[in-house]
C-alpha cells in the first residue's frame, strides 16, 4: 500500500481558487491562479496517497490559439503564457494531438 503524505489545502480569497500543496513547503504559499499570497488562507491539512491533479479539458478557443500561434511562429513557451494554467509541454502535446486527429479525419 502506498505511503500517505501530508498536504495542505489553501483558499485564495481574491480569486476564490482552492488548491493543494505539499505540507513540507515552509515558505509562504502563492495562489497558482493569480500569483498572490496576501489573500491566501490555509483551510486544513490532508493526508493523501497522491496529490489531486487539476486537469481540465481543452477548449476550442485554446485549440485555435495554439494552431494560429504555431502558424505565426510563436514558441510553445510564448503560447503557454497566454493560456492560463498550461505548460509549454502540454501545449506541444496538444498541438501534436490536434494534428494527429486532423490526419485521421482526413483519411
C-alpha atoms as a PDB file:
ATOM      1  CA  UNK A   1       0.000   0.000   0.000  1.00  0.00           C
ATOM      2  CA  UNK A   2       1.401   3.446  -0.921  1.00  0.00           C
ATOM      3  CA  UNK A   3       2.569   5.646   1.878  1.00  0.00           C
ATOM      4  CA  UNK A   4       0.388   8.670   2.589  1.00  0.00           C
ATOM      5  CA  UNK A   5       1.932  12.142   2.566  1.00  0.00           C
ATOM      6  CA  UNK A   6       0.795  15.328   4.210  1.00  0.00           C
ATOM      7  CA  UNK A   7      -0.670  18.102   2.055  1.00  0.00           C
ATOM      8  CA  UNK A   8      -2.159  21.464   2.939  1.00  0.00           C
ATOM      9  CA  UNK A   9      -5.398  22.776   1.470  1.00  0.00           C
ATOM     10  CA  UNK A  10      -5.440  26.531   0.768  1.00  0.00           C
ATOM     11  CA  UNK A  11      -8.018  29.017  -0.482  1.00  0.00           C
ATOM     12  CA  UNK A  12      -7.273  32.275  -2.284  1.00  0.00           C
ATOM     13  CA  UNK A  13      -9.919  34.770  -1.184  1.00  0.00           C
ATOM     14  CA  UNK A  14      -9.014  37.152  -4.003  1.00  0.00           C
ATOM     15  CA  UNK A  15      -9.826  34.858  -6.954  1.00  0.00           C
ATOM     16  CA  UNK A  16     -11.766  32.203  -4.958  1.00  0.00           C
ATOM     17  CA  UNK A  17      -9.455  29.387  -6.100  1.00  0.00           C
ATOM     18  CA  UNK A  18      -8.688  26.455  -3.823  1.00  0.00           C
ATOM     19  CA  UNK A  19      -5.511  24.412  -4.230  1.00  0.00           C
ATOM     20  CA  UNK A  20      -3.392  21.757  -2.527  1.00  0.00           C
ATOM     21  CA  UNK A  21       0.373  21.887  -1.930  1.00  0.00           C
ATOM     22  CA  UNK A  22       2.760  19.518  -0.133  1.00  0.00           C
ATOM     23  CA  UNK A  23       2.920  20.344   3.576  1.00  0.00           C
ATOM     24  CA  UNK A  24       6.732  20.187   3.556  1.00  0.00           C
ATOM     25  CA  UNK A  25       6.806  23.668   1.996  1.00  0.00           C
ATOM     26  CA  UNK A  26       7.838  26.013   4.790  1.00  0.00           C
ATOM     27  CA  UNK A  27       7.668  29.202   2.737  1.00  0.00           C
ATOM     28  CA  UNK A  28       4.748  31.494   2.045  1.00  0.00           C
ATOM     29  CA  UNK A  29       2.331  29.945  -0.443  1.00  0.00           C
ATOM     30  CA  UNK A  30       1.201  31.826  -3.556  1.00  0.00           C
ATOM     31  CA  UNK A  31      -2.029  31.207  -5.429  1.00  0.00           C
ATOM     32  CA  UNK A  32      -1.283  29.345  -8.703  1.00  0.00           C
ATOM     33  CA  UNK A  33      -4.047  31.269 -10.491  1.00  0.00           C
ATOM     34  CA  UNK A  34      -3.399  34.910  -9.539  1.00  0.00           C
ATOM     35  CA  UNK A  35       0.142  34.548  -8.038  1.00  0.00           C
ATOM     36  CA  UNK A  36      -0.906  36.473  -4.941  1.00  0.00           C
ATOM     37  CA  UNK A  37      -0.057  35.485  -1.388  1.00  0.00           C
ATOM     38  CA  UNK A  38      -1.849  38.231   0.533  1.00  0.00           C
ATOM     39  CA  UNK A  39      -5.311  36.676   0.465  1.00  0.00           C
ATOM     40  CA  UNK A  40      -4.276  33.005   0.736  1.00  0.00           C
ATOM     41  CA  UNK A  41      -5.708  31.219   3.755  1.00  0.00           C
ATOM     42  CA  UNK A  42      -4.858  27.705   4.946  1.00  0.00           C
ATOM     43  CA  UNK A  43      -8.027  25.646   5.375  1.00  0.00           C
ATOM     44  CA  UNK A  44      -6.790  22.274   6.621  1.00  0.00           C
ATOM     45  CA  UNK A  45      -4.121  19.578   6.493  1.00  0.00           C
ATOM     46  CA  UNK A  46      -4.794  16.435   4.458  1.00  0.00           C
ATOM     47  CA  UNK A  47      -3.135  13.031   4.222  1.00  0.00           C
ATOM     48  CA  UNK A  48      -3.233  11.695   0.655  1.00  0.00           C
ATOM     49  CA  UNK A  49      -1.603   8.803  -1.169  1.00  0.00           C
ATOM     50  CA  UNK A  50      -1.059  11.087  -4.145  1.00  0.00           C
ATOM     51  CA  UNK A  51      -1.990  14.687  -4.915  1.00  0.00           C
ATOM     52  CA  UNK A  52      -5.101  15.675  -6.792  1.00  0.00           C
ATOM     53  CA  UNK A  53      -4.317  16.570 -10.378  1.00  0.00           C
ATOM     54  CA  UNK A  54      -6.198  19.602 -11.673  1.00  0.00           C
ATOM     55  CA  UNK A  55      -6.790  18.539 -15.260  1.00  0.00           C
ATOM     56  CA  UNK A  56      -9.321  20.438 -17.248  1.00  0.00           C
ATOM     57  CA  UNK A  57     -10.421  19.761 -20.800  1.00  0.00           C
ATOM     58  CA  UNK A  58      -9.081  21.782 -23.692  1.00  0.00           C
ATOM     59  CA  UNK A  59     -11.483  24.313 -25.193  1.00  0.00           C
ATOM     60  CA  UNK A  60     -11.961  25.088 -28.870  1.00  0.00           C
ATOM     61  CA  UNK A  61     -10.638  28.609 -28.270  1.00  0.00           C
ATOM     62  CA  UNK A  62      -7.412  27.197 -26.805  1.00  0.00           C
ATOM     63  CA  UNK A  63      -7.048  24.833 -29.763  1.00  0.00           C
ATOM     64  CA  UNK A  64      -7.481  27.730 -32.192  1.00  0.00           C
ATOM     65  CA  UNK A  65      -4.933  29.854 -30.315  1.00  0.00           C
ATOM     66  CA  UNK A  66      -2.401  27.019 -30.425  1.00  0.00           C
ATOM     67  CA  UNK A  67      -2.790  26.311 -34.139  1.00  0.00           C
ATOM     68  CA  UNK A  68      -2.745  30.001 -35.101  1.00  0.00           C
ATOM     69  CA  UNK A  69       0.179  30.699 -32.778  1.00  0.00           C
ATOM     70  CA  UNK A  70       2.274  27.927 -34.327  1.00  0.00           C
ATOM     71  CA  UNK A  71       1.428  29.124 -37.845  1.00  0.00           C
ATOM     72  CA  UNK A  72       2.582  32.630 -36.875  1.00  0.00           C
ATOM     73  CA  UNK A  73       5.860  31.283 -35.480  1.00  0.00           C
ATOM     74  CA  UNK A  74       5.312  31.559 -31.731  1.00  0.00           C
ATOM     75  CA  UNK A  75       7.156  29.152 -29.435  1.00  0.00           C
ATOM     76  CA  UNK A  76       5.374  26.757 -27.095  1.00  0.00           C
ATOM     77  CA  UNK A  77       6.539  28.820 -24.131  1.00  0.00           C
ATOM     78  CA  UNK A  78       5.093  32.023 -25.570  1.00  0.00           C
ATOM     79  CA  UNK A  79       1.777  30.302 -26.278  1.00  0.00           C
ATOM     80  CA  UNK A  80       1.622  28.757 -22.796  1.00  0.00           C
ATOM     81  CA  UNK A  81       1.973  32.198 -21.199  1.00  0.00           C
ATOM     82  CA  UNK A  82      -1.209  33.329 -22.948  1.00  0.00           C
ATOM     83  CA  UNK A  83      -3.056  30.150 -21.872  1.00  0.00           C
ATOM     84  CA  UNK A  84      -3.729  30.201 -18.138  1.00  0.00           C
ATOM     85  CA  UNK A  85      -2.587  27.038 -16.378  1.00  0.00           C
ATOM     86  CA  UNK A  86      -1.000  25.365 -19.412  1.00  0.00           C
ATOM     87  CA  UNK A  87       2.684  24.430 -19.550  1.00  0.00           C
ATOM     88  CA  UNK A  88       4.810  24.573 -22.723  1.00  0.00           C
ATOM     89  CA  UNK A  89       4.967  20.766 -22.667  1.00  0.00           C
ATOM     90  CA  UNK A  90       1.170  20.448 -22.516  1.00  0.00           C
ATOM     91  CA  UNK A  91       0.802  22.934 -25.396  1.00  0.00           C
ATOM     92  CA  UNK A  92       3.252  20.904 -27.501  1.00  0.00           C
ATOM     93  CA  UNK A  93       1.413  17.651 -26.753  1.00  0.00           C
ATOM     94  CA  UNK A  94      -1.957  19.236 -27.512  1.00  0.00           C
ATOM     95  CA  UNK A  95      -0.730  20.512 -30.885  1.00  0.00           C
ATOM     96  CA  UNK A  96       0.548  17.015 -31.723  1.00  0.00           C
ATOM     97  CA  UNK A  97      -2.858  15.531 -30.815  1.00  0.00           C
ATOM     98  CA  UNK A  98      -4.705  18.138 -32.891  1.00  0.00           C
ATOM     99  CA  UNK A  99      -2.547  17.361 -35.938  1.00  0.00           C
ATOM    100  CA  UNK A 100      -2.956  13.614 -35.399  1.00  0.00           C
ATOM    101  CA  UNK A 101      -6.743  13.972 -35.168  1.00  0.00           C
ATOM    102  CA  UNK A 102      -6.803  16.096 -38.357  1.00  0.00           C
ATOM    103  CA  UNK A 103      -4.711  13.470 -40.185  1.00  0.00           C
ATOM    104  CA  UNK A 104      -7.010  10.657 -39.045  1.00  0.00           C
ATOM    105  CA  UNK A 105     -10.128  12.636 -40.031  1.00  0.00           C
ATOM    106  CA  UNK A 106      -8.704  13.281 -43.493  1.00  0.00           C
ATOM    107  CA  UNK A 107      -8.076   9.575 -44.185  1.00  0.00           C
END
